[in-house]
Amino acid sequence: MTTETDRSSVAAQAALTVEERWANFHRYGPFGLLVIGLVMSVATSDVVGMDRTDWYVVGSLSFAAFLLQLWWVRAMRTRPGPSGAGILNYWVRWAISFVVAWINPFFAFYGACGYFDVERLLPRRMVRPGLIAAVVVVAGSQSGGLPPKGSLGWVVFGGLVAVNVGLAGVMGHLNAKESERARVQVETIAELERTNKALQEAMGENAALHTQLLVQAREAGVADERGRLAAEIHDTIAQGLTGIIAQLQVVAGTTDPEQARQHLDRAADLARHSLGEARRSVHNLSPAALENASLSEALKKTVTEWSRRTGVRAEFTVTGTTEQLHDEIEATLLRIAEEALSNAARHAHAGRLGVTLSYMAGEVTLDVRDDGRGFDPLELPARTGTGGFGLDGMRARAERIAGALTVESEPGGGTAVSARVPLVRHDQ
C-alpha cells in the first residue's frame, strides 16, 4: 500500500510540475520573446531601413508591452481563466505586435505569443479570430514584412496564412488533447490517493478489530478453561474424594483387620488416582510443551511420543515459512492436535497417521489424517470419549480465534481433521 501511495504522490508531483512550468511560461515567456524581437531588430535595422521615427515608435511600444505584461503577471494570479482582463491583454498585445512587426518583421517573435495562450485568455467564441490575428502577424513576417509587395507577395502571404492557420489548428488540437490527458491523470491520481487513504483506514480498523477479537478469544478461553476445570474436578477429583471418604468410613466402622486393610488399599488407590487427575488438570491449563519450544517443535515431539506410545507409524511435516505465532494461536493448534491424536488412538485403529502444519498467506492450517476405520460424521455423538472435548471441542477452540475446523471421514476410509486459523504473529 505504501509503495502505491508513493507512486501516486510522485505522479501527482510530476503532473503539477508540468502545469507549473506552463504557468511560468505564460507569465514570463512574452518578456523573453519581446527581448528577442528587440535584439533582432537592432541587428537588422540597417537591412530593414529603420529610421529615427521607427525607433521611437518601436521603443515606446516595447516599453508599453513590458508594462502590459508586468500588469498581467500580477492580474493572472486572480484571473486564471478567460476574463475581461485577459481579453484586453490579448488584443492590446496583438495590436502592439502588429505595429512593431510592420516596422520590423522580426518582431513576429513577440506576435507568436498568441499561439500559446489564445485559449487561456479568450472565450471560446473569440479563439478562432484571435488565432487568425496572431497568424497574420507571423505570416506577414515570413512573407517578407507587411504590407505584402505586389500580387505575388499577397499570394505568398495568403498561402502562409492558410498554412499557419492549419498548423495552429493541429497544435491547438494536440494541446487540448494533452491538457485533457493531464487533467484526467490528475483526477485519477487524486482518486487513487483517496482510495489508498480509505484502504489504509480500513486496514487500521481491521487491525483494531482483529486485536479486539484476540482479546475476546483470550477471555473466552479463560472462561472455557475454568469451565473445563470445574467439570473435571466434579467428574474426577470430587468423585475420588467422595470414594475415599466412603472407604475410610467403612474402615472406621469395622473390627475386621483384613477388611480394614482392603478398604484402606482402595482409599490409597483412589487418592493416587485423584492426585493424578489433579496434576493432569493443572498440566492442561497451559501447554507446557510450548514453554521452551516453537509450535512446530512441540507438535513434532507430541507426534513422536504419540507414535511411540501407540505403536502407530506417524509422520510430522511443516510446509511454508515457519513463523512465531501469537501465544493463543499456538496453544489452540497444539490442543487441537493433542485431541485429534487422542481420538485417533481411542477410535481409529489406524496403521499410519500424518500431521501437517502449513504456513500460508494470512492463515495457518493443521491437518491430521489417518488410515483407520473412519466413521460417519453425521452419526457422531456430541462428546467422544470420556473426560475430553471431542470434535465439538476442537471446533469450538478454532472458532474462538476466528478459525474453522472441518472433518472428512467415512466408514473404512480413514479420517482427516483440518483446522484453519488466522496467521497472527507473536508481536501483533
Protein backbone atom coordinates (compact mmCIF):
# COMPACT_ATOMS: atom_id res chain seq x y z
CA MET A 1 0.00 0.00 0.00
CA THR A 2 2.84 2.33 0.86
CA THR A 3 4.51 1.74 -2.45
CA GLU A 4 1.31 2.57 -4.35
CA THR A 5 0.87 5.73 -2.32
CA ASP A 6 4.45 6.82 -3.02
CA ARG A 7 3.98 6.22 -6.74
CA SER A 8 0.75 8.23 -6.74
CA SER A 9 2.45 11.12 -4.93
CA VAL A 10 5.36 11.13 -7.40
CA ALA A 11 2.98 11.10 -10.38
CA ALA A 12 0.89 13.90 -8.90
CA GLN A 13 4.00 15.99 -8.25
CA ALA A 14 5.17 15.37 -11.83
CA ALA A 15 1.79 16.48 -13.24
CA LEU A 16 1.80 19.59 -11.07
CA THR A 17 5.40 20.35 -12.11
CA VAL A 18 4.45 20.32 -15.82
CA GLU A 19 1.45 22.55 -15.14
CA GLU A 20 3.60 24.93 -13.13
CA ARG A 21 6.17 25.14 -15.93
CA TRP A 22 3.49 26.11 -18.44
CA ALA A 23 2.16 28.71 -15.99
CA ASN A 24 5.66 30.18 -15.68
CA PHE A 25 5.98 30.29 -19.48
CA HIS A 26 2.68 32.19 -19.81
CA ARG A 27 3.88 34.65 -17.14
CA TYR A 28 7.42 35.29 -18.36
CA GLY A 29 7.59 33.94 -21.91
CA PRO A 30 6.30 37.19 -23.52
CA PHE A 31 9.15 39.07 -21.82
CA GLY A 32 11.69 36.78 -23.46
CA LEU A 33 10.06 36.91 -26.89
CA LEU A 34 9.89 40.71 -26.68
CA VAL A 35 13.62 40.87 -25.90
CA ILE A 36 14.38 38.54 -28.84
CA GLY A 37 12.38 40.82 -31.15
CA LEU A 38 14.31 43.87 -29.90
CA VAL A 39 17.71 42.21 -30.32
CA MET A 40 16.87 41.00 -33.84
CA SER A 41 15.55 44.47 -34.74
CA VAL A 42 18.77 46.10 -33.62
CA ALA A 43 20.80 43.57 -35.63
CA THR A 44 18.70 44.07 -38.79
CA SER A 45 17.77 47.73 -38.54
CA ASP A 46 20.05 48.73 -41.43
CA VAL A 47 18.77 45.95 -43.66
CA VAL A 48 15.13 46.76 -42.90
CA GLY A 49 15.78 50.50 -43.12
CA MET A 50 14.55 51.70 -39.76
CA ASP A 51 14.80 55.45 -39.19
CA ARG A 52 14.63 57.57 -36.06
CA THR A 53 10.82 57.71 -36.10
CA ASP A 54 10.63 53.95 -36.41
CA TRP A 55 12.89 53.51 -33.41
CA TYR A 56 10.83 55.96 -31.42
CA VAL A 57 7.67 54.01 -32.13
CA VAL A 58 9.37 50.64 -31.51
CA GLY A 59 10.89 51.80 -28.24
CA SER A 60 7.66 53.30 -26.95
CA LEU A 61 5.56 50.28 -27.87
CA SER A 62 8.16 47.87 -26.46
CA PHE A 63 8.08 49.70 -23.16
CA ALA A 64 4.28 49.62 -23.26
CA ALA A 65 4.40 45.87 -23.98
CA PHE A 66 6.71 45.40 -20.99
CA LEU A 67 4.34 47.27 -18.68
CA LEU A 68 1.36 45.39 -20.10
CA GLN A 69 2.91 42.00 -19.39
CA LEU A 70 4.06 43.13 -15.94
CA TRP A 71 0.46 44.10 -15.14
CA TRP A 72 -0.82 40.78 -16.48
CA VAL A 73 1.64 38.73 -14.40
CA ARG A 74 0.03 40.21 -11.32
CA ALA A 75 -3.53 40.07 -12.66
CA MET A 76 -3.44 36.45 -13.85
CA ARG A 77 -2.96 35.19 -10.28
CA THR A 78 -6.55 36.17 -9.55
CA ARG A 79 -7.90 35.54 -13.08
CA PRO A 80 -6.67 32.08 -14.14
CA GLY A 81 -9.34 31.57 -16.85
CA PRO A 82 -10.81 33.71 -19.68
CA SER A 83 -11.92 37.11 -18.38
CA GLY A 84 -12.34 40.71 -19.45
CA ALA A 85 -8.80 41.47 -18.32
CA GLY A 86 -7.50 38.53 -20.36
CA ILE A 87 -9.33 39.70 -23.48
CA LEU A 88 -7.91 43.21 -23.01
CA ASN A 89 -4.40 41.87 -22.51
CA TYR A 90 -4.57 39.65 -25.63
CA TRP A 91 -5.84 42.26 -28.07
CA VAL A 92 -3.64 45.11 -26.78
CA ARG A 93 -0.60 42.83 -27.04
CA TRP A 94 -1.66 41.80 -30.55
CA ALA A 95 -2.03 45.44 -31.62
CA ILE A 96 1.45 46.26 -30.32
CA SER A 97 2.96 43.21 -32.06
CA PHE A 98 1.18 44.07 -35.32
CA VAL A 99 2.57 47.61 -35.35
CA VAL A 100 6.15 46.73 -34.39
CA ALA A 101 6.17 43.75 -36.81
CA TRP A 102 5.02 46.14 -39.56
CA ILE A 103 8.13 48.21 -38.81
CA ASN A 104 10.49 45.21 -38.41
CA PRO A 105 9.31 41.65 -39.33
CA PHE A 106 11.49 40.09 -36.65
CA PHE A 107 9.05 41.34 -34.03
CA ALA A 108 6.90 38.43 -35.16
CA PHE A 109 8.62 36.51 -32.36
CA TYR A 110 6.62 38.65 -29.96
CA GLY A 111 3.49 38.26 -32.07
CA ALA A 112 3.76 34.46 -31.78
CA CYS A 113 2.74 34.70 -28.09
CA GLY A 114 -0.85 34.41 -29.25
CA TYR A 115 -0.22 30.84 -30.42
CA PHE A 116 0.37 29.67 -26.86
CA ASP A 117 -2.27 31.41 -24.75
CA VAL A 118 -5.18 32.22 -27.05
CA GLU A 119 -7.33 29.52 -25.40
CA ARG A 120 -6.29 30.61 -21.92
CA LEU A 121 -7.12 34.31 -22.42
CA LEU A 122 -10.09 34.37 -24.81
CA PRO A 123 -13.56 32.85 -24.52
CA ARG A 124 -14.40 30.04 -26.95
CA ARG A 125 -16.20 32.28 -29.48
CA MET A 126 -13.12 34.50 -29.83
CA VAL A 127 -10.45 31.79 -30.02
CA ARG A 128 -10.52 31.40 -33.83
CA PRO A 129 -10.47 35.17 -34.62
CA GLY A 130 -7.68 35.64 -32.07
CA LEU A 131 -5.65 32.80 -33.60
CA ILE A 132 -6.09 34.17 -37.14
CA ALA A 133 -4.97 37.61 -35.93
CA ALA A 134 -1.78 36.10 -34.47
CA VAL A 135 -1.22 34.15 -37.69
CA VAL A 136 -1.45 37.38 -39.74
CA VAL A 137 1.48 38.87 -37.81
CA VAL A 138 3.64 35.73 -38.15
CA ALA A 139 2.74 35.11 -41.83
CA GLY A 140 3.47 38.76 -42.64
CA SER A 141 6.96 38.33 -41.19
CA GLN A 142 7.50 35.07 -43.07
CA SER A 143 6.44 36.67 -46.40
CA GLY A 144 8.97 39.49 -46.04
CA GLY A 145 7.09 42.00 -43.95
CA LEU A 146 3.83 43.90 -44.05
CA PRO A 147 2.28 45.03 -46.28
CA PRO A 148 2.95 42.38 -48.98
CA LYS A 149 4.52 43.78 -52.14
CA GLY A 150 2.74 43.09 -55.40
CA SER A 151 0.28 40.40 -56.32
CA LEU A 152 2.83 37.63 -55.81
CA GLY A 153 3.53 38.91 -52.33
CA TRP A 154 -0.17 38.79 -51.49
CA VAL A 155 -0.43 35.25 -52.87
CA VAL A 156 2.54 34.14 -50.76
CA PHE A 157 1.09 35.92 -47.75
CA GLY A 158 -2.29 34.23 -48.22
CA GLY A 159 -0.66 30.81 -48.57
CA LEU A 160 1.39 31.35 -45.43
CA VAL A 161 -1.72 32.43 -43.54
CA ALA A 162 -3.50 29.24 -44.60
CA VAL A 163 -0.53 27.05 -43.68
CA ASN A 164 -0.08 28.73 -40.31
CA VAL A 165 -3.79 28.51 -39.52
CA GLY A 166 -3.69 24.77 -40.29
CA LEU A 167 -0.57 24.23 -38.19
CA ALA A 168 -2.00 26.28 -35.34
CA GLY A 169 -5.22 24.26 -35.50
CA VAL A 170 -3.31 20.98 -35.34
CA MET A 171 -1.15 22.26 -32.50
CA GLY A 172 -4.22 23.54 -30.67
CA HIS A 173 -5.94 20.18 -31.06
CA LEU A 174 -2.89 18.31 -29.77
CA ASN A 175 -2.52 20.77 -26.91
CA ALA A 176 -6.19 20.31 -25.99
CA LYS A 177 -5.76 16.53 -26.02
CA GLU A 178 -2.64 16.80 -23.86
CA SER A 179 -4.39 19.14 -21.44
CA GLU A 180 -7.34 16.76 -21.20
CA ARG A 181 -4.99 13.83 -20.64
CA ALA A 182 -3.16 15.75 -17.91
CA ARG A 183 -6.47 16.69 -16.29
CA VAL A 184 -7.69 13.10 -16.33
CA GLN A 185 -4.34 11.94 -14.97
CA VAL A 186 -4.51 14.41 -12.08
CA GLU A 187 -8.10 13.38 -11.30
CA THR A 188 -7.16 9.69 -11.48
CA ILE A 189 -4.19 10.23 -9.18
CA ALA A 190 -6.36 12.16 -6.73
CA GLU A 191 -8.97 9.38 -6.79
CA LEU A 192 -6.24 6.77 -6.29
CA GLU A 193 -4.88 8.67 -3.30
CA ARG A 194 -8.38 8.89 -1.80
CA THR A 195 -8.85 5.15 -2.38
CA ASN A 196 -5.47 4.35 -0.82
CA LYS A 197 -6.31 6.53 2.17
CA ALA A 198 -9.66 4.79 2.61
CA LEU A 199 -7.95 1.41 2.26
CA GLN A 200 -5.36 2.29 4.88
CA GLU A 201 -8.11 3.45 7.24
CA ALA A 202 -9.99 0.20 6.62
CA MET A 203 -6.84 -1.80 7.28
CA GLY A 204 -6.32 0.11 10.51
CA GLU A 205 -9.89 -0.61 11.58
CA ASN A 206 -9.43 -4.26 10.62
CA ALA A 207 -6.26 -4.49 12.70
CA ALA A 208 -8.09 -2.96 15.67
CA LEU A 209 -10.98 -5.40 15.25
CA HIS A 210 -8.53 -8.27 14.96
CA THR A 211 -6.85 -7.23 18.20
CA GLN A 212 -10.25 -6.95 19.87
CA LEU A 213 -11.14 -10.40 18.58
CA LEU A 214 -7.99 -11.87 20.09
CA VAL A 215 -8.75 -10.22 23.42
CA GLN A 216 -12.28 -11.63 23.37
CA ALA A 217 -10.94 -15.02 22.34
CA ARG A 218 -8.47 -14.97 25.23
CA GLU A 219 -11.23 -14.03 27.66
CA ALA A 220 -13.48 -16.75 26.24
CA GLY A 221 -10.60 -19.20 26.50
CA VAL A 222 -10.11 -18.34 30.15
CA ALA A 223 -13.81 -18.86 30.84
CA ASP A 224 -13.75 -22.11 28.89
CA GLU A 225 -10.74 -23.39 30.81
CA ARG A 226 -12.45 -22.53 34.09
CA GLY A 227 -15.50 -24.48 32.97
CA ARG A 228 -13.33 -27.40 31.92
CA LEU A 229 -11.50 -27.45 35.23
CA ALA A 230 -14.80 -27.25 37.13
CA ALA A 231 -16.20 -30.14 35.15
CA GLU A 232 -13.08 -32.26 35.61
CA ILE A 233 -12.93 -31.53 39.34
CA HIS A 234 -16.54 -32.57 39.67
CA ASP A 235 -16.19 -35.68 37.49
CA THR A 236 -12.84 -36.96 38.78
CA ILE A 237 -11.31 -35.34 41.83
CA ALA A 238 -14.57 -34.72 43.73
CA GLN A 239 -15.79 -38.22 42.99
CA GLY A 240 -12.43 -39.64 44.06
CA LEU A 241 -12.55 -37.75 47.36
CA THR A 242 -16.11 -38.98 47.93
CA GLY A 243 -14.92 -42.53 47.37
CA ILE A 244 -12.00 -42.09 49.78
CA ILE A 245 -14.36 -40.81 52.47
CA ALA A 246 -16.65 -43.77 51.94
CA GLN A 247 -13.75 -46.24 52.24
CA LEU A 248 -12.47 -44.57 55.39
CA GLN A 249 -15.94 -44.64 56.91
CA VAL A 250 -16.04 -48.41 56.33
CA VAL A 251 -12.64 -48.78 57.99
CA ALA A 252 -13.82 -46.76 60.96
CA GLY A 253 -16.86 -48.98 61.39
CA THR A 254 -15.25 -52.40 61.08
CA THR A 255 -13.33 -54.53 63.55
CA ASP A 256 -12.01 -56.95 60.93
CA PRO A 257 -8.33 -56.10 60.22
CA GLU A 258 -8.41 -57.82 56.80
CA GLN A 259 -11.47 -55.88 55.69
CA ALA A 260 -10.00 -52.65 57.04
CA ARG A 261 -6.75 -53.24 55.10
CA GLN A 262 -8.71 -53.84 51.85
CA HIS A 263 -10.66 -50.61 52.23
CA LEU A 264 -7.50 -48.69 53.12
CA ASP A 265 -5.85 -50.02 49.95
CA ARG A 266 -8.84 -48.91 47.96
CA ALA A 267 -8.70 -45.47 49.58
CA ALA A 268 -4.98 -45.19 48.73
CA ASP A 269 -5.67 -46.19 45.12
CA LEU A 270 -8.40 -43.57 44.89
CA ALA A 271 -6.08 -40.96 46.40
CA ARG A 272 -3.32 -41.74 43.89
CA HIS A 273 -5.84 -41.65 41.07
CA SER A 274 -7.26 -38.31 42.24
CA LEU A 275 -3.73 -36.89 42.57
CA GLY A 276 -3.01 -37.96 39.01
CA GLU A 277 -6.21 -36.32 37.81
CA ALA A 278 -5.35 -33.10 39.64
CA ARG A 279 -1.89 -33.00 38.05
CA ARG A 280 -3.38 -33.68 34.65
CA SER A 281 -5.91 -30.87 35.03
CA VAL A 282 -3.26 -28.37 36.08
CA HIS A 283 -0.99 -29.53 33.28
CA ASN A 284 -3.71 -28.98 30.70
CA LEU A 285 -4.29 -25.41 31.85
CA SER A 286 -1.44 -24.18 29.60
CA PRO A 287 0.64 -26.20 27.13
CA ALA A 288 3.92 -26.93 28.85
CA ALA A 289 5.31 -28.15 25.54
CA LEU A 290 5.33 -24.53 24.25
CA GLU A 291 7.27 -23.06 27.16
CA ASN A 292 10.72 -23.72 25.66
CA ALA A 293 9.91 -24.77 22.10
CA SER A 294 8.26 -23.45 18.95
CA LEU A 295 4.91 -24.73 17.72
CA SER A 296 6.49 -26.97 15.09
CA GLU A 297 8.94 -28.42 17.62
CA ALA A 298 6.17 -29.04 20.14
CA LEU A 299 3.99 -30.73 17.52
CA LYS A 300 6.84 -32.90 16.31
CA LYS A 301 7.59 -34.02 19.89
CA THR A 302 3.90 -34.67 20.54
CA VAL A 303 3.54 -36.77 17.38
CA THR A 304 6.73 -38.71 18.13
CA GLU A 305 5.63 -39.52 21.70
CA TRP A 306 2.16 -40.48 20.47
CA SER A 307 3.65 -42.85 17.90
CA ARG A 308 5.93 -44.44 20.50
CA ARG A 309 3.05 -44.86 22.95
CA THR A 310 0.52 -46.29 20.47
CA GLY A 311 2.84 -48.18 18.12
CA VAL A 312 1.23 -46.45 15.12
CA ARG A 313 3.57 -45.09 12.45
CA ALA A 314 3.21 -41.29 12.48
CA GLU A 315 4.91 -38.51 10.50
CA PHE A 316 5.01 -34.77 11.04
CA THR A 317 5.56 -32.27 8.19
CA VAL A 318 5.92 -28.48 8.02
CA THR A 319 5.25 -26.51 4.81
CA GLY A 320 5.77 -22.81 4.13
CA THR A 321 7.92 -20.36 6.05
CA THR A 322 7.86 -21.06 9.78
CA GLU A 323 6.89 -18.04 11.89
CA GLN A 324 6.43 -17.42 15.59
CA LEU A 325 2.70 -17.11 16.11
CA HIS A 326 0.64 -15.44 18.78
CA ASP A 327 0.54 -17.47 22.00
CA GLU A 328 -3.22 -18.03 21.73
CA ILE A 329 -2.87 -19.33 18.16
CA GLU A 330 -0.06 -21.75 19.04
CA ALA A 331 -1.84 -23.05 22.15
CA THR A 332 -5.05 -23.63 20.19
CA LEU A 333 -3.34 -25.55 17.40
CA LEU A 334 -1.40 -27.70 19.87
CA ARG A 335 -4.56 -28.53 21.86
CA ILE A 336 -6.42 -29.44 18.68
CA ALA A 337 -3.55 -31.70 17.61
CA GLU A 338 -3.46 -33.40 21.02
CA GLU A 339 -7.22 -34.02 20.96
CA ALA A 340 -7.11 -35.29 17.37
CA LEU A 341 -4.30 -37.72 18.28
CA SER A 342 -6.20 -38.82 21.37
CA ASN A 343 -9.31 -39.52 19.30
CA ALA A 344 -7.26 -41.44 16.76
CA ALA A 345 -5.68 -43.58 19.47
CA ARG A 346 -9.06 -44.43 21.01
CA HIS A 347 -11.19 -44.93 17.94
CA ALA A 348 -9.30 -45.03 14.62
CA HIS A 349 -7.33 -48.32 14.87
CA ALA A 350 -5.04 -46.83 12.23
CA GLY A 351 -1.82 -48.21 10.77
CA ARG A 352 -0.45 -44.79 9.69
CA LEU A 353 -1.07 -41.21 10.69
CA GLY A 354 0.21 -37.89 9.31
CA VAL A 355 0.22 -34.42 10.83
CA THR A 356 0.96 -31.39 8.60
CA LEU A 357 1.44 -27.79 9.75
CA SER A 358 1.18 -25.33 6.83
CA TYR A 359 2.08 -21.64 6.91
CA MET A 360 0.30 -19.74 4.14
CA ALA A 361 -0.55 -16.16 3.28
CA GLY A 362 -2.76 -14.93 6.08
CA GLU A 363 -3.56 -18.28 7.68
CA VAL A 364 -2.14 -21.44 9.23
CA THR A 365 -3.61 -24.90 8.74
CA LEU A 366 -3.20 -28.05 10.81
CA ASP A 367 -4.13 -31.34 9.14
CA VAL A 368 -4.33 -34.71 10.95
CA ARG A 369 -5.01 -37.70 8.68
CA ASP A 370 -5.16 -41.41 9.45
CA ASP A 371 -5.96 -44.58 7.51
CA GLY A 372 -8.17 -46.04 10.25
CA ARG A 373 -11.66 -47.41 10.13
CA GLY A 374 -13.31 -43.99 9.88
CA PHE A 375 -16.89 -43.12 10.86
CA ASP A 376 -19.99 -41.31 9.69
CA PRO A 377 -19.68 -37.65 10.90
CA LEU A 378 -23.49 -37.28 10.90
CA GLU A 379 -23.83 -40.03 13.49
CA LEU A 380 -21.09 -38.68 15.77
CA PRO A 381 -22.25 -38.03 19.36
CA ALA A 382 -21.73 -34.60 20.82
CA ARG A 383 -18.90 -35.77 23.09
CA THR A 384 -16.46 -38.52 22.17
CA GLY A 385 -14.57 -40.49 24.72
CA THR A 386 -14.51 -39.73 28.40
CA GLY A 387 -13.23 -36.61 30.01
CA GLY A 388 -12.47 -34.91 26.67
CA PHE A 389 -13.91 -32.38 24.30
CA GLY A 390 -14.08 -34.48 21.13
CA LEU A 391 -14.64 -32.90 17.73
CA ASP A 392 -17.09 -30.31 19.05
CA GLY A 393 -14.45 -29.09 21.50
CA MET A 394 -11.82 -28.84 18.77
CA ARG A 395 -14.25 -26.91 16.57
CA ALA A 396 -15.07 -24.55 19.44
CA ARG A 397 -11.37 -23.91 20.07
CA ALA A 398 -10.81 -22.99 16.40
CA GLU A 399 -13.88 -20.75 16.21
CA ARG A 400 -12.84 -18.80 19.32
CA ILE A 401 -9.87 -17.39 17.35
CA ALA A 402 -11.85 -16.77 14.14
CA GLY A 403 -10.82 -20.12 12.68
CA ALA A 404 -12.70 -23.17 11.46
CA LEU A 405 -12.42 -26.93 11.77
CA THR A 406 -13.59 -29.45 9.17
CA VAL A 407 -13.80 -33.23 9.43
CA GLU A 408 -13.83 -35.62 6.48
CA SER A 409 -14.42 -39.31 7.16
CA GLU A 410 -16.37 -42.34 6.04
CA PRO A 411 -16.57 -45.87 7.36
CA GLY A 412 -13.47 -47.76 6.25
CA GLY A 413 -11.96 -44.67 4.58
CA GLY A 414 -9.93 -43.08 7.35
CA THR A 415 -10.36 -39.64 8.89
CA ALA A 416 -9.00 -36.18 8.09
CA VAL A 417 -9.27 -33.32 10.56
CA SER A 418 -8.28 -29.85 9.28
CA ALA A 419 -8.07 -26.69 11.39
CA ARG A 420 -7.65 -23.30 9.68
CA VAL A 421 -6.82 -20.26 11.82
CA PRO A 422 -5.59 -16.71 11.07
CA LEU A 423 -1.84 -16.17 10.86
CA VAL A 424 -1.30 -13.72 13.72
CA ARG A 425 2.36 -13.17 14.54
CA HIS A 426 3.73 -13.06 18.05
CA ASP A 427 4.34 -9.29 18.00
CA GLN A 428 0.88 -8.37 16.73
